[in-house]
Amino acid sequence: MIRAMDDDQVFKALADATRRHLLDRLFERDGRTLTELESELEMSRFGVMKHLRVLEDAGLVVTRREGREKHHFLNPVPIRLIHDRWIDKYTEHRVAALADLKHELEESA
């Protein structure tokens, strides 16, 4: 049951375009401050903080304090777990079928 709840939090976090934008910015350059992330959005500081909280709750963003600043870092592990659980298993059969087809065509040639 805990696994499903974790997946739900990740899907909820990824469902919002602003949160995906924040993840993209962290992918480009990790360790950004709230001020840096806020400067790229037409949104209040409080709004950005709320989106970051959802990402943190889903485990997609981790933070580290350095003095008075809080730096945000991308954690790709939950996305990979979603991929492994919800995408990879559905594509395995297709990939195997294409590999088999390739081998059959090569043998008949």
PDB file of N, CA and C in Angstrom:
ATOM      1  N   MET A   1       0.820  -1.201   0.000  1.00  0.00           N
ATOM      2  CA  MET A   1       0.000   0.000   0.000  1.00  0.00           C
ATOM      3  C   MET A   1       0.862   1.262   0.000  1.00  0.00           C
ATOM      4  N   ILE A   2       1.973   1.220   0.712  1.00  0.00           N
ATOM      5  CA  ILE A   2       2.858   2.386   0.749  1.00  0.00           C
ATOM      6  C   ILE A   2       3.371   2.693  -0.652  1.00  0.00           C
ATOM      7  N   ARG A   3       3.696   1.670  -1.431  1.00  0.00           N
ATOM      8  CA  ARG A   3       4.208   1.859  -2.787  1.00  0.00           C
ATOM      9  C   ARG A   3       3.209   2.624  -3.645  1.00  0.00           C
ATOM     10  N   ALA A   4       1.927   2.262  -3.587  1.00  0.00           N
ATOM     11  CA  ALA A   4       0.904   2.936  -4.385  1.00  0.00           C
ATOM     12  C   ALA A   4       0.786   4.402  -3.980  1.00  0.00           C
ATOM     13  N   MET A   5       0.874   4.679  -2.680  1.00  0.00           N
ATOM     14  CA  MET A   5       0.787   6.056  -2.225  1.00  0.00           C
ATOM     15  C   MET A   5       1.964   6.864  -2.761  1.00  0.00           C
ATOM     16  N   ASP A   6       3.166   6.272  -2.743  1.00  0.00           N
ATOM     17  CA  ASP A   6       4.338   6.958  -3.281  1.00  0.00           C
ATOM     18  C   ASP A   6       4.145   7.258  -4.758  1.00  0.00           C
ATOM     19  N   ASP A   7       3.649   6.274  -5.524  1.00  0.00           N
ATOM     20  CA  ASP A   7       3.386   6.481  -6.939  1.00  0.00           C
ATOM     21  C   ASP A   7       2.371   7.604  -7.136  1.00  0.00           C
ATOM     22  N   ASP A   8       1.331   7.619  -6.308  1.00  0.00           N
ATOM     23  CA  ASP A   8       0.312   8.663  -6.420  1.00  0.00           C
ATOM     24  C   ASP A   8       0.921  10.044  -6.216  1.00  0.00           C
ATOM     25  N   GLN A   9       1.806  10.178  -5.251  1.00  0.00           N
ATOM     26  CA  GLN A   9       2.445  11.476  -4.994  1.00  0.00           C
ATOM     27  C   GLN A   9       3.318  11.897  -6.167  1.00  0.00           C
ATOM     28  N   VAL A  10       4.031  10.958  -6.754  1.00  0.00           N
ATOM     29  CA  VAL A  10       4.895  11.281  -7.891  1.00  0.00           C
ATOM     30  C   VAL A  10       4.036  11.675  -9.089  1.00  0.00           C
ATOM     31  N   PHE A  11       2.988  10.903  -9.373  1.00  0.00           N
ATOM     32  CA  PHE A  11       2.109  11.251 -10.491  1.00  0.00           C
ATOM     33  C   PHE A  11       1.458  12.615 -10.274  1.00  0.00           C
ATOM     34  N   LYS A  12       1.018  12.881  -9.050  1.00  0.00           N
ATOM     35  CA  LYS A  12       0.414  14.183  -8.747  1.00  0.00           C
ATOM     36  C   LYS A  12       1.422  15.303  -8.980  1.00  0.00           C
ATOM     37  N   ALA A  13       2.649  15.098  -8.535  1.00  0.00           N
ATOM     38  CA  ALA A  13       3.681  16.124  -8.699  1.00  0.00           C
ATOM     39  C   ALA A  13       3.981  16.350 -10.180  1.00  0.00           C
ATOM     40  N   LEU A  14       4.044  15.293 -10.957  1.00  0.00           N
ATOM     41  CA  LEU A  14       4.370  15.414 -12.379  1.00  0.00           C
ATOM     42  C   LEU A  14       3.201  15.910 -13.230  1.00  0.00           C
ATOM     43  N   ALA A  15       1.996  15.895 -12.672  1.00  0.00           N
ATOM     44  CA  ALA A  15       0.811  16.287 -13.431  1.00  0.00           C
ATOM     45  C   ALA A  15       0.735  17.786 -13.695  1.00  0.00           C
ATOM     46  N   ASP A  16       1.507  18.569 -12.977  1.00  0.00           N
ATOM     47  CA  ASP A  16       1.422  20.025 -13.091  1.00  0.00           C
ATOM     48  C   ASP A  16       2.569  20.576 -13.947  1.00  0.00           C
ATOM     49  N   ALA A  17       2.237  21.430 -14.914  1.00  0.00           N
ATOM     50  CA  ALA A  17       3.240  21.990 -15.834  1.00  0.00           C
ATOM     51  C   ALA A  17       4.286  22.835 -15.103  1.00  0.00           C
ATOM     52  N   THR A  18       3.886  23.569 -14.084  1.00  0.00           N
ATOM     53  CA  THR A  18       4.840  24.398 -13.340  1.00  0.00           C
ATOM     54  C   THR A  18       5.852  23.519 -12.614  1.00  0.00           C
ATOM     55  N   ARG A  19       5.382  22.429 -12.024  1.00  0.00           N
ATOM     56  CA  ARG A  19       6.300  21.535 -11.321  1.00  0.00           C
ATOM     57  C   ARG A  19       7.246  20.844 -12.298  1.00  0.00           C
ATOM     58  N   ARG A  20       6.733  20.470 -13.473  1.00  0.00           N
ATOM     59  CA  ARG A  20       7.617  19.882 -14.485  1.00  0.00           C
ATOM     60  C   ARG A  20       8.654  20.905 -14.939  1.00  0.00           C
ATOM     61  N   HIS A  21       8.255  22.158 -15.044  1.00  0.00           N
ATOM     62  CA  HIS A  21       9.197  23.230 -15.401  1.00  0.00           C
ATOM     63  C   HIS A  21      10.301  23.342 -14.342  1.00  0.00           C
ATOM     64  N   LEU A  22       9.921  23.298 -13.082  1.00  0.00           N
ATOM     65  CA  LEU A  22      10.913  23.369 -12.004  1.00  0.00           C
ATOM     66  C   LEU A  22      11.882  22.188 -12.072  1.00  0.00           C
ATOM     67  N   LEU A  23      11.365  20.995 -12.339  1.00  0.00           N
ATOM     68  CA  LEU A  23      12.237  19.825 -12.474  1.00  0.00           C
ATOM     69  C   LEU A  23      13.185  19.983 -13.658  1.00  0.00           C
ATOM     70  N   ASP A  24      12.675  20.524 -14.755  1.00  0.00           N
ATOM     71  CA  ASP A  24      13.534  20.760 -15.922  1.00  0.00           C
ATOM     72  C   ASP A  24      14.654  21.739 -15.596  1.00  0.00           C
ATOM     73  N   ARG A  25      14.333  22.780 -14.836  1.00  0.00           N
ATOM     74  CA  ARG A  25      15.365  23.756 -14.459  1.00  0.00           C
ATOM     75  C   ARG A  25      16.424  23.104 -13.572  1.00  0.00           C
ATOM     76  N   LEU A  26      15.982  22.258 -12.658  1.00  0.00           N
ATOM     77  CA  LEU A  26      16.943  21.569 -11.787  1.00  0.00           C
ATOM     78  C   LEU A  26      17.750  20.535 -12.560  1.00  0.00           C
ATOM     79  N   PHE A  27      17.158  19.946 -13.576  1.00  0.00           N
ATOM     80  CA  PHE A  27      17.906  19.011 -14.418  1.00  0.00           C
ATOM     81  C   PHE A  27      19.024  19.752 -15.157  1.00  0.00           C
ATOM     82  N   GLU A  28      18.705  20.962 -15.634  1.00  0.00           N
ATOM     83  CA  GLU A  28      19.701  21.770 -16.352  1.00  0.00           C
ATOM     84  C   GLU A  28      20.851  22.185 -15.440  1.00  0.00           C
ATOM     85  N   ARG A  29      20.503  22.581 -14.227  1.00  0.00           N
ATOM     86  CA  ARG A  29      21.530  22.988 -13.262  1.00  0.00           C
ATOM     87  C   ARG A  29      20.988  22.755 -11.864  1.00  0.00           C
ATOM     88  N   ASP A  30      21.536  21.772 -11.212  1.00  0.00           N
ATOM     89  CA  ASP A  30      21.110  21.393  -9.870  1.00  0.00           C
ATOM     90  C   ASP A  30      21.584  22.410  -8.828  1.00  0.00           C
ATOM     91  N   GLY A  31      20.930  22.404  -7.684  1.00  0.00           N
ATOM     92  CA  GLY A  31      21.368  23.226  -6.559  1.00  0.00           C
ATOM     93  C   GLY A  31      20.901  24.666  -6.615  1.00  0.00           C
ATOM     94  N   ARG A  32      19.787  24.916  -7.267  1.00  0.00           N
ATOM     95  CA  ARG A  32      19.268  26.288  -7.367  1.00  0.00           C
ATOM     96  C   ARG A  32      18.550  26.698  -6.099  1.00  0.00           C
ATOM     97  N   THR A  33      18.590  27.985  -5.839  1.00  0.00           N
ATOM     98  CA  THR A  33      17.873  28.533  -4.689  1.00  0.00           C
ATOM     99  C   THR A  33      16.451  28.874  -5.101  1.00  0.00           C
ATOM    100  N   LEU A  34      15.620  29.133  -4.117  1.00  0.00           N
ATOM    101  CA  LEU A  34      14.250  29.558  -4.380  1.00  0.00           C
ATOM    102  C   LEU A  34      14.241  30.830  -5.221  1.00  0.00           C
ATOM    103  N   THR A  35      15.113  31.766  -4.913  1.00  0.00           N
ATOM    104  CA  THR A  35      15.183  33.027  -5.661  1.00  0.00           C
ATOM    105  C   THR A  35      15.485  32.763  -7.133  1.00  0.00           C
ATOM    106  N   GLU A  36      16.411  31.864  -7.412  1.00  0.00           N
ATOM    107  CA  GLU A  36      16.747  31.528  -8.802  1.00  0.00           C
ATOM    108  C   GLU A  36      15.557  30.885  -9.514  1.00  0.00           C
ATOM    109  N   LEU A  37      14.907  29.956  -8.853  1.00  0.00           N
ATOM    110  CA  LEU A  37      13.771  29.275  -9.464  1.00  0.00           C
ATOM    111  C   LEU A  37      12.593  30.233  -9.648  1.00  0.00           C
ATOM    112  N   GLU A  38      12.385  31.082  -8.681  1.00  0.00           N
ATOM    113  CA  GLU A  38      11.277  32.042  -8.730  1.00  0.00           C
ATOM    114  C   GLU A  38      11.461  33.035  -9.875  1.00  0.00           C
ATOM    115  N   SER A  39      12.701  33.414 -10.165  1.00  0.00           N
ATOM    116  CA  SER A  39      12.962  34.431 -11.188  1.00  0.00           C
ATOM    117  C   SER A  39      12.552  33.973 -12.584  1.00  0.00           C
ATOM    118  N   GLU A  40      12.402  32.688 -12.786  1.00  0.00           N
ATOM    119  CA  GLU A  40      12.045  32.147 -14.100  1.00  0.00           C
ATOM    120  C   GLU A  40      10.547  31.934 -14.265  1.00  0.00           C
ATOM    121  N   LEU A  41       9.780  32.233 -13.237  1.00  0.00           N
ATOM    122  CA  LEU A  41       8.332  32.007 -13.284  1.00  0.00           C
ATOM    123  C   LEU A  41       7.578  33.296 -12.987  1.00  0.00           C
ATOM    124  N   GLU A  42       6.447  33.442 -13.616  1.00  0.00           N
ATOM    125  CA  GLU A  42       5.571  34.576 -13.316  1.00  0.00           C
ATOM    126  C   GLU A  42       4.594  34.134 -12.233  1.00  0.00           C
ATOM    127  N   MET A  43       5.132  34.032 -11.031  1.00  0.00           N
ATOM    128  CA  MET A  43       4.365  33.500  -9.915  1.00  0.00           C
ATOM    129  C   MET A  43       4.979  34.064  -8.636  1.00  0.00           C
ATOM    130  N   SER A  44       4.163  34.153  -7.616  1.00  0.00           N
ATOM    131  CA  SER A  44       4.676  34.662  -6.339  1.00  0.00           C
ATOM    132  C   SER A  44       5.667  33.681  -5.731  1.00  0.00           C
ATOM    133  N   ARG A  45       6.486  34.192  -4.855  1.00  0.00           N
ATOM    134  CA  ARG A  45       7.449  33.350  -4.133  1.00  0.00           C
ATOM    135  C   ARG A  45       6.718  32.250  -3.373  1.00  0.00           C
ATOM    136  N   PHE A  46       5.602  32.614  -2.769  1.00  0.00           N
ATOM    137  CA  PHE A  46       4.809  31.648  -2.017  1.00  0.00           C
ATOM    138  C   PHE A  46       4.289  30.541  -2.938  1.00  0.00           C
ATOM    139  N   GLY A  47       3.870  30.903  -4.153  1.00  0.00           N
ATOM    140  CA  GLY A  47       3.380  29.909  -5.110  1.00  0.00           C
ATOM    141  C   GLY A  47       4.469  28.918  -5.493  1.00  0.00           C
ATOM    142  N   VAL A  48       5.674  29.425  -5.753  1.00  0.00           N
ATOM    143  CA  VAL A  48       6.802  28.552  -6.092  1.00  0.00           C
ATOM    144  C   VAL A  48       7.122  27.642  -4.911  1.00  0.00           C
ATOM    145  N   MET A  49       7.080  28.190  -3.696  1.00  0.00           N
ATOM    146  CA  MET A  49       7.344  27.389  -2.499  1.00  0.00           C
ATOM    147  C   MET A  49       6.339  26.243  -2.373  1.00  0.00           C
ATOM    148  N   LYS A  50       5.075  26.501  -2.690  1.00  0.00           N
ATOM    149  CA  LYS A  50       4.058  25.452  -2.619  1.00  0.00           C
ATOM    150  C   LYS A  50       4.348  24.337  -3.625  1.00  0.00           C
ATOM    151  N   HIS A  51       4.751  24.724  -4.832  1.00  0.00           N
ATOM    152  CA  HIS A  51       5.076  23.716  -5.843  1.00  0.00           C
ATOM    153  C   HIS A  51       6.301  22.912  -5.424  1.00  0.00           C
ATOM    154  N   LEU A  52       7.302  23.567  -4.880  1.00  0.00           N
ATOM    155  CA  LEU A  52       8.500  22.861  -4.415  1.00  0.00           C
ATOM    156  C   LEU A  52       8.163  21.897  -3.279  1.00  0.00           C
ATOM    157  N   ARG A  53       7.229  22.283  -2.424  1.00  0.00           N
ATOM    158  CA  ARG A  53       6.817  21.404  -1.317  1.00  0.00           C
ATOM    159  C   ARG A  53       6.193  20.118  -1.865  1.00  0.00           C
ATOM    160  N   VAL A  54       5.355  20.226  -2.900  1.00  0.00           N
ATOM    161  CA  VAL A  54       4.754  19.033  -3.508  1.00  0.00           C
ATOM    162  C   VAL A  54       5.845  18.138  -4.089  1.00  0.00           C
ATOM    163  N   LEU A  55       6.827  18.753  -4.765  1.00  0.00           N
ATOM    164  CA  LEU A  55       7.933  17.988  -5.327  1.00  0.00           C
ATOM    165  C   LEU A  55       8.765  17.318  -4.234  1.00  0.00           C
ATOM    166  N   GLU A  56       8.983  18.020  -3.129  1.00  0.00           N
ATOM    167  CA  GLU A  56       9.720  17.439  -1.999  1.00  0.00           C
ATOM    168  C   GLU A  56       8.944  16.281  -1.385  1.00  0.00           C
ATOM    169  N   ASP A  57       7.641  16.474  -1.195  1.00  0.00           N
ATOM    170  CA  ASP A  57       6.812  15.418  -0.603  1.00  0.00           C
ATOM    171  C   ASP A  57       6.822  14.153  -1.460  1.00  0.00           C
ATOM    172  N   ALA A  58       6.948  14.329  -2.770  1.00  0.00           N
ATOM    173  CA  ALA A  58       6.996  13.178  -3.681  1.00  0.00           C
ATOM    174  C   ALA A  58       8.403  12.594  -3.784  1.00  0.00           C
ATOM    175  N   GLY A  59       9.366  13.251  -3.155  1.00  0.00           N
ATOM    176  CA  GLY A  59      10.740  12.770  -3.192  1.00  0.00           C
ATOM    177  C   GLY A  59      11.488  13.151  -4.453  1.00  0.00           C
ATOM    178  N   LEU A  60      10.897  14.016  -5.292  1.00  0.00           N
ATOM    179  CA  LEU A  60      11.523  14.408  -6.548  1.00  0.00           C
ATOM    180  C   LEU A  60      12.549  15.521  -6.374  1.00  0.00           C
ATOM    181  N   VAL A  61      12.460  16.236  -5.269  1.00  0.00           N
ATOM    182  CA  VAL A  61      13.400  17.317  -4.964  1.00  0.00           C
ATOM    183  C   VAL A  61      13.869  17.138  -3.526  1.00  0.00           C
ATOM    184  N   VAL A  62      15.159  17.281  -3.326  1.00  0.00           N
ATOM    185  CA  VAL A  62      15.730  17.287  -1.979  1.00  0.00           C
ATOM    186  C   VAL A  62      16.422  18.630  -1.783  1.00  0.00           C
ATOM    187  N   THR A  63      16.502  19.059  -0.544  1.00  0.00           N
ATOM    188  CA  THR A  63      17.082  20.364  -0.265  1.00  0.00           C
ATOM    189  C   THR A  63      18.260  20.234   0.694  1.00  0.00           C
ATOM    190  N   ARG A  64      19.109  21.235   0.625  1.00  0.00           N
ATOM    191  CA  ARG A  64      20.242  21.309   1.537  1.00  0.00           C
ATOM    192  C   ARG A  64      20.459  22.787   1.870  1.00  0.00           C
ATOM    193  N   ARG A  65      20.582  23.051   3.160  1.00  0.00           N
ATOM    194  CA  ARG A  65      20.839  24.419   3.608  1.00  0.00           C
ATOM    195  C   ARG A  65      22.323  24.710   3.543  1.00  0.00           C
ATOM    196  N   GLU A  66      22.643  25.885   3.027  1.00  0.00           N
ATOM    197  CA  GLU A  66      24.014  26.393   3.025  1.00  0.00           C
ATOM    198  C   GLU A  66      23.930  27.828   3.537  1.00  0.00           C
ATOM    199  N   GLY A  67      24.243  27.975   4.803  1.00  0.00           N
ATOM    200  CA  GLY A  67      24.083  29.297   5.416  1.00  0.00           C
ATOM    201  C   GLY A  67      22.622  29.660   5.480  1.00  0.00           C
ATOM    202  N   ARG A  68      22.294  30.826   4.940  1.00  0.00           N
ATOM    203  CA  ARG A  68      20.899  31.282   4.946  1.00  0.00           C
ATOM    204  C   ARG A  68      20.116  30.791   3.742  1.00  0.00           C
ATOM    205  N   GLU A  69      20.798  30.179   2.780  1.00  0.00           N
ATOM    206  CA  GLU A  69      20.133  29.746   1.559  1.00  0.00           C
ATOM    207  C   GLU A  69      19.803  28.260   1.593  1.00  0.00           C
ATOM    208  N   LYS A  70      18.728  27.935   0.931  1.00  0.00           N
ATOM    209  CA  LYS A  70      18.287  26.554   0.792  1.00  0.00           C
ATOM    210  C   LYS A  70      18.421  26.193  -0.691  1.00  0.00           C
ATOM    211  N   HIS A  71      19.209  25.180  -0.976  1.00  0.00           N
ATOM    212  CA  HIS A  71      19.432  24.765  -2.351  1.00  0.00           C
ATOM    213  C   HIS A  71      18.588  23.537  -2.662  1.00  0.00           C
ATOM    214  N   HIS A  72      18.036  23.527  -3.866  1.00  0.00           N
ATOM    215  CA  HIS A  72      17.136  22.454  -4.300  1.00  0.00           C
ATOM    216  C   HIS A  72      17.837  21.597  -5.336  1.00  0.00           C
ATOM    217  N   PHE A  73      17.700  20.271  -5.171  1.00  0.00           N
ATOM    218  CA  PHE A  73      18.363  19.313  -6.051  1.00  0.00           C
ATOM    219  C   PHE A  73      17.340  18.303  -6.569  1.00  0.00           C
ATOM    220  N   LEU A  74      17.494  17.942  -7.825  1.00  0.00           N
ATOM    221  CA  LEU A  74      16.646  16.939  -8.453  1.00  0.00           C
ATOM    222  C   LEU A  74      17.023  15.552  -7.934  1.00  0.00           C
ATOM    223  N   ASN A  75      16.012  14.762  -7.589  1.00  0.00           N
ATOM    224  CA  ASN A  75      16.204  13.360  -7.239  1.00  0.00           C
ATOM    225  C   ASN A  75      15.463  12.538  -8.293  1.00  0.00           C
ATOM    226  N   PRO A  76      16.167  11.967  -9.263  1.00  0.00           N
ATOM    227  CA  PRO A  76      15.502  11.248 -10.357  1.00  0.00           C
ATOM    228  C   PRO A  76      15.018   9.844  -9.990  1.00  0.00           C
ATOM    229  N   VAL A  77      15.330   9.360  -8.816  1.00  0.00           N
ATOM    230  CA  VAL A  77      14.986   7.982  -8.443  1.00  0.00           C
ATOM    231  C   VAL A  77      13.483   7.712  -8.513  1.00  0.00           C
ATOM    232  N   PRO A  78      12.602   8.564  -7.964  1.00  0.00           N
ATOM    233  CA  PRO A  78      11.170   8.259  -8.067  1.00  0.00           C
ATOM    234  C   PRO A  78      10.672   8.171  -9.510  1.00  0.00           C
ATOM    235  N   ILE A  79      11.240   8.980 -10.400  1.00  0.00           N
ATOM    236  CA  ILE A  79      10.829   8.910 -11.810  1.00  0.00           C
ATOM    237  C   ILE A  79      11.280   7.585 -12.406  1.00  0.00           C
ATOM    238  N   ARG A  80      12.480   7.150 -12.057  1.00  0.00           N
ATOM    239  CA  ARG A  80      12.973   5.866 -12.551  1.00  0.00           C
ATOM    240  C   ARG A  80      12.107   4.718 -12.046  1.00  0.00           C
ATOM    241  N   LEU A  81      11.698   4.789 -10.785  1.00  0.00           N
ATOM    242  CA  LEU A  81      10.835   3.737 -10.232  1.00  0.00           C
ATOM    243  C   LEU A  81       9.491   3.703 -10.953  1.00  0.00           C
ATOM    244  N   ILE A  82       8.953   4.873 -11.283  1.00  0.00           N
ATOM    245  CA  ILE A  82       7.702   4.949 -12.054  1.00  0.00           C
ATOM    246  C   ILE A  82       7.930   4.317 -13.426  1.00  0.00           C
ATOM    247  N   HIS A  83       9.043   4.657 -14.050  1.00  0.00           N
ATOM    248  CA  HIS A  83       9.373   4.074 -15.359  1.00  0.00           C
ATOM    249  C   HIS A  83       9.422   2.553 -15.273  1.00  0.00           C
ATOM    250  N   ASP A  84      10.160   2.047 -14.305  1.00  0.00           N
ATOM    251  CA  ASP A  84      10.313   0.601 -14.166  1.00  0.00           C
ATOM    252  C   ASP A  84       8.975  -0.083 -13.896  1.00  0.00           C
ATOM    253  N   ARG A  85       8.150   0.547 -13.084  1.00  0.00           N
ATOM    254  CA  ARG A  85       6.870  -0.065 -12.688  1.00  0.00           C
ATOM    255  C   ARG A  85       5.788   0.084 -13.753  1.00  0.00           C
ATOM    256  N   TRP A  86       5.694   1.245 -14.383  1.00  0.00           N
ATOM    257  CA  TRP A  86       4.544   1.542 -15.228  1.00  0.00           C
ATOM    258  C   TRP A  86       4.844   1.629 -16.722  1.00  0.00           C
ATOM    259  N   ILE A  87       6.078   1.746 -17.105  1.00  0.00           N
ATOM    260  CA  ILE A  87       6.379   1.887 -18.533  1.00  0.00           C
ATOM    261  C   ILE A  87       7.151   0.686 -19.041  1.00  0.00           C
ATOM    262  N   ASP A  88       8.231   0.367 -18.369  1.00  0.00           N
ATOM    263  CA  ASP A  88       9.124  -0.691 -18.831  1.00  0.00           C
ATOM    264  C   ASP A  88       8.411  -2.026 -19.023  1.00  0.00           C
ATOM    265  N   LYS A  89       7.562  -2.401 -18.090  1.00  0.00           N
ATOM    266  CA  LYS A  89       6.916  -3.714 -18.193  1.00  0.00           C
ATOM    267  C   LYS A  89       5.965  -3.794 -19.384  1.00  0.00           C
ATOM    268  N   TYR A  90       5.414  -2.652 -19.793  1.00  0.00           N
ATOM    269  CA  TYR A  90       4.498  -2.660 -20.925  1.00  0.00           C
ATOM    270  C   TYR A  90       5.227  -2.629 -22.260  1.00  0.00           C
ATOM    271  N   THR A  91       6.468  -2.221 -22.272  1.00  0.00           N
ATOM    272  CA  THR A  91       7.227  -2.168 -23.522  1.00  0.00           C
ATOM    273  C   THR A  91       8.082  -3.403 -23.725  1.00  0.00           C
ATOM    274  N   GLU A  92       8.317  -4.195 -22.707  1.00  0.00           N
ATOM    275  CA  GLU A  92       9.182  -5.377 -22.784  1.00  0.00           C
ATOM    276  C   GLU A  92       8.728  -6.333 -23.882  1.00  0.00           C
ATOM    277  N   HIS A  93       7.454  -6.627 -23.950  1.00  0.00           N
ATOM    278  CA  HIS A  93       6.935  -7.568 -24.937  1.00  0.00           C
ATOM    279  C   HIS A  93       7.181  -7.053 -26.355  1.00  0.00           C
ATOM    280  N   ARG A  94       6.950  -5.771 -26.567  1.00  0.00           N
ATOM    281  CA  ARG A  94       7.138  -5.193 -27.904  1.00  0.00           C
ATOM    282  C   ARG A  94       8.600  -5.235 -28.325  1.00  0.00           C
ATOM    283  N   VAL A  95       9.481  -4.909 -27.426  1.00  0.00           N
ATOM    284  CA  VAL A  95      10.908  -4.918 -27.739  1.00  0.00           C
ATOM    285  C   VAL A  95      11.361  -6.344 -28.057  1.00  0.00           C
ATOM    286  N   ALA A  96      10.914  -7.303 -27.286  1.00  0.00           N
ATOM    287  CA  ALA A  96      11.268  -8.703 -27.535  1.00  0.00           C
ATOM    288  C   ALA A  96      10.722  -9.150 -28.887  1.00  0.00           C
ATOM    289  N   ALA A  97       9.513  -8.742 -29.235  1.00  0.00           N
ATOM    290  CA  ALA A  97       8.924  -9.110 -30.520  1.00  0.00           C
ATOM    291  C   ALA A  97       9.715  -8.509 -31.677  1.00  0.00           C
ATOM    292  N   LEU A  98      10.160  -7.279 -31.538  1.00  0.00           N
ATOM    293  CA  LEU A  98      10.964  -6.651 -32.584  1.00  0.00           C
ATOM    294  C   LEU A  98      12.322  -7.338 -32.729  1.00  0.00           C
ATOM    295  N   ALA A  99      12.926  -7.725 -31.623  1.00  0.00           N
ATOM    296  CA  ALA A  99      14.206  -8.445 -31.676  1.00  0.00           C
ATOM    297  C   ALA A  99      14.031  -9.791 -32.363  1.00  0.00           C
ATOM    298  N   ASP A 100      12.945 -10.498 -32.034  1.00  0.00           N
ATOM    299  CA  ASP A 100      12.663 -11.787 -32.687  1.00  0.00           C
ATOM    300  C   ASP A 100      12.451 -11.600 -34.182  1.00  0.00           C
ATOM    301  N   LEU A 101      11.711 -10.576 -34.564  1.00  0.00           N
ATOM    302  CA  LEU A 101      11.463 -10.285 -35.975  1.00  0.00           C
ATOM    303  C   LEU A 101      12.778 -10.002 -36.703  1.00  0.00           C
ATOM    304  N   LYS A 102      13.647  -9.250 -36.100  1.00  0.00           N
ATOM    305  CA  LYS A 102      14.949  -8.928 -36.698  1.00  0.00           C
ATOM    306  C   LYS A 102      15.738 -10.200 -36.958  1.00  0.00           C
ATOM    307  N   HIS A 103      15.772 -11.081 -35.941  1.00  0.00           N
ATOM    308  CA  HIS A 103      16.521 -12.337 -36.097  1.00  0.00           C
ATOM    309  C   HIS A 103      15.907 -13.212 -37.204  1.00  0.00           C
ATOM    310  N   GLU A 104      14.594 -13.274 -37.274  1.00  0.00           N
ATOM    311  CA  GLU A 104      13.922 -14.064 -38.321  1.00  0.00           C
ATOM    312  C   GLU A 104      14.224 -13.516 -39.702  1.00  0.00           C
ATOM    313  N   LEU A 105      14.198 -12.209 -39.853  1.00  0.00           N
ATOM    314  CA  LEU A 105      14.480 -11.586 -41.148  1.00  0.00           C
ATOM    315  C   LEU A 105      15.931 -11.794 -41.559  1.00  0.00           C
ATOM    316  N   GLU A 106      16.826 -11.726 -40.602  1.00  0.00           N
ATOM    317  CA  GLU A 106      18.240 -11.944 -40.904  1.00  0.00           C
ATOM    318  C   GLU A 106      18.500 -13.398 -41.319  1.00  0.00           C
ATOM    319  N   GLU A 107      17.806 -14.327 -40.686  1.00  0.00           N
ATOM    320  CA  GLU A 107      17.985 -15.745 -41.012  1.00  0.00           C
ATOM    321  C   GLU A 107      17.426 -16.083 -42.395  1.00  0.00           C
ATOM    322  N   SER A 108      16.328 -15.444 -42.764  1.00  0.00           N
ATOM    323  CA  SER A 108      15.709 -15.737 -44.053  1.00  0.00           C
ATOM    324  C   SER A 108      16.411 -15.009 -45.216  1.00  0.00           C
ATOM    325  N   ALA A 109      17.248 -14.058 -44.890  1.00  0.00           N
ATOM    326  CA  ALA A 109      17.939 -13.298 -45.952  1.00  0.00           C
ATOM    327  C   ALA A 109      19.128 -14.005 -46.520  1.00  0.00           C
TER     328      ALA A 109
END
